[in-house]
Amino acid sequence: MRKILFTLSLLICSHVLLGQQAIIRNSSVESMVREVSSDSLKSYIYALASFDSRHTLNTDSEKGMPAAQQYVLGKFNEFAKKSGGRMTAKIEEFITPGDGRRIPTDSKVANVVALLKGTDPNDPRIIVVSGHLDSRNKDVMDATGGAPGANDDGSGVAVVMELARVMASREFPATVLFVAFTGEEQGLKGATYLADQAKNESWKIEAVLNNDIVGNSNSSETLISNNTVMRVFSESIPLAEDERGAAIRRSTNSDNDSPSRQLARYIKEVGERYVDHMEVKLIYRSDRFLRGGDQTPFMRNGFTAVRMSEMNENFPHQHENVRLEDGIQYGDLPEFMDFEYLRKVAAVNIASAASLASAASKPQEVRIDVRGLTNFSKLHWKAPDNGKAKGYF
């Protein structure tokens, strides 16, 4: 009887093992994922939240936005020392016109950027990883009142900084651009400036991974606590679609296959492959209801962009004045962050960005032969311009 049971258990185990798929990971990407540190992320968040206000229009060079920009620049320059001269960083200032709404008069605004130059001089591709440095409280025009902005969007900037730290010492064929935008809360000003610059100068941006509110795992009201799920938002019909693109989309019924949607699927596949205990949930819209983010100007200009965000939002800790009211602590403070969750979000980002920057470029002129009814599909494409493709899926 024991022999029969033993044989049966072997058969069951063999069947289970045969049904499992081996997870294949690139050792270089896996190493970068392991290097992402919750302690590093925590230190960035506490430093960013220590500034009195990071409001776009704040001019306090000691405890305001200019000081926060210098902090991020200092970190980028520190990381650049490991890059062998390939990483450079700067504060890029520009004038954003007064709009009579959230920018009363023409104002000087600045993005903090770090560029990790690709090793292939013939590869023009750029991968953008971004978050927004500016913060706000309940009054979007209060440029001096307390606005720690730990999660919105210190968390996104912390992800950008951590990727810059880990990736600086590595080499990639494509270029990676790390950006801390300013002016998101005032109308996506910093992102619009960079997206317009990229379009006017014909940059070859392959992907924009925009991180906005990515460091909390506990919801308000519903009281859900779950640090194993994040969201990736992607547009369905491209904002920049022209008449020819619309005609192709309608004839091929590809409403669900925009470049941004395909990028989101790629992030899900790569992120879940490299990051344990994290589900990447695809959200089939460009952003949350009645909300927007710094990915939008890039989509408007025809670039492939997505928004990364936490699954469970806690609204007493977004866009609120810091206060204790009816026993409830309001305000976007670091103590409400989940730094292990933030580490996993950053790990999904680095797995995706590193994989994109290392891979061959996209095949060109992809088309399907639809001249007749058949149960077989015939695809045509040109090989990628950069790198050698191992296969297609």
Foldseek 3Di string as FASTA:
>chain_A
DVVVVVVVVVVVVVVVVVPDDDQDDDPVLLVLLVPQDLVLLLVLLVVLLQQQFLQQQADDCPRYNVVNLVVLQVLLVVLLVLQVPQKDKDKAKDWDADDVPLRNGTDIGTKIKMKRAAPAPVDLEEEEQEEASGFAAQDSNPRRHGASCSQQPSLSLSLLSSLSNSCSNDHFRHMYMRMHAHCWSSPLVRLLVVLVVCLVVVRNYAEYEYEGRQFFQAAPPVGDGALAEKEKEFEQDQLQDDPVNVVVCVVVVRSCPDSLNVLLVLLQVQLPSNFPRHGYHYDHHQDDPPDHGSQVSNSNSPYHYMYIHGDHDYVQAGNHRADQDPNDTGYVDSVRGDSVSSSSVSSSVSSSSRCQRHAADDWAPWDWDPPDDDPDIDIDTHAGPGDHHPDDD
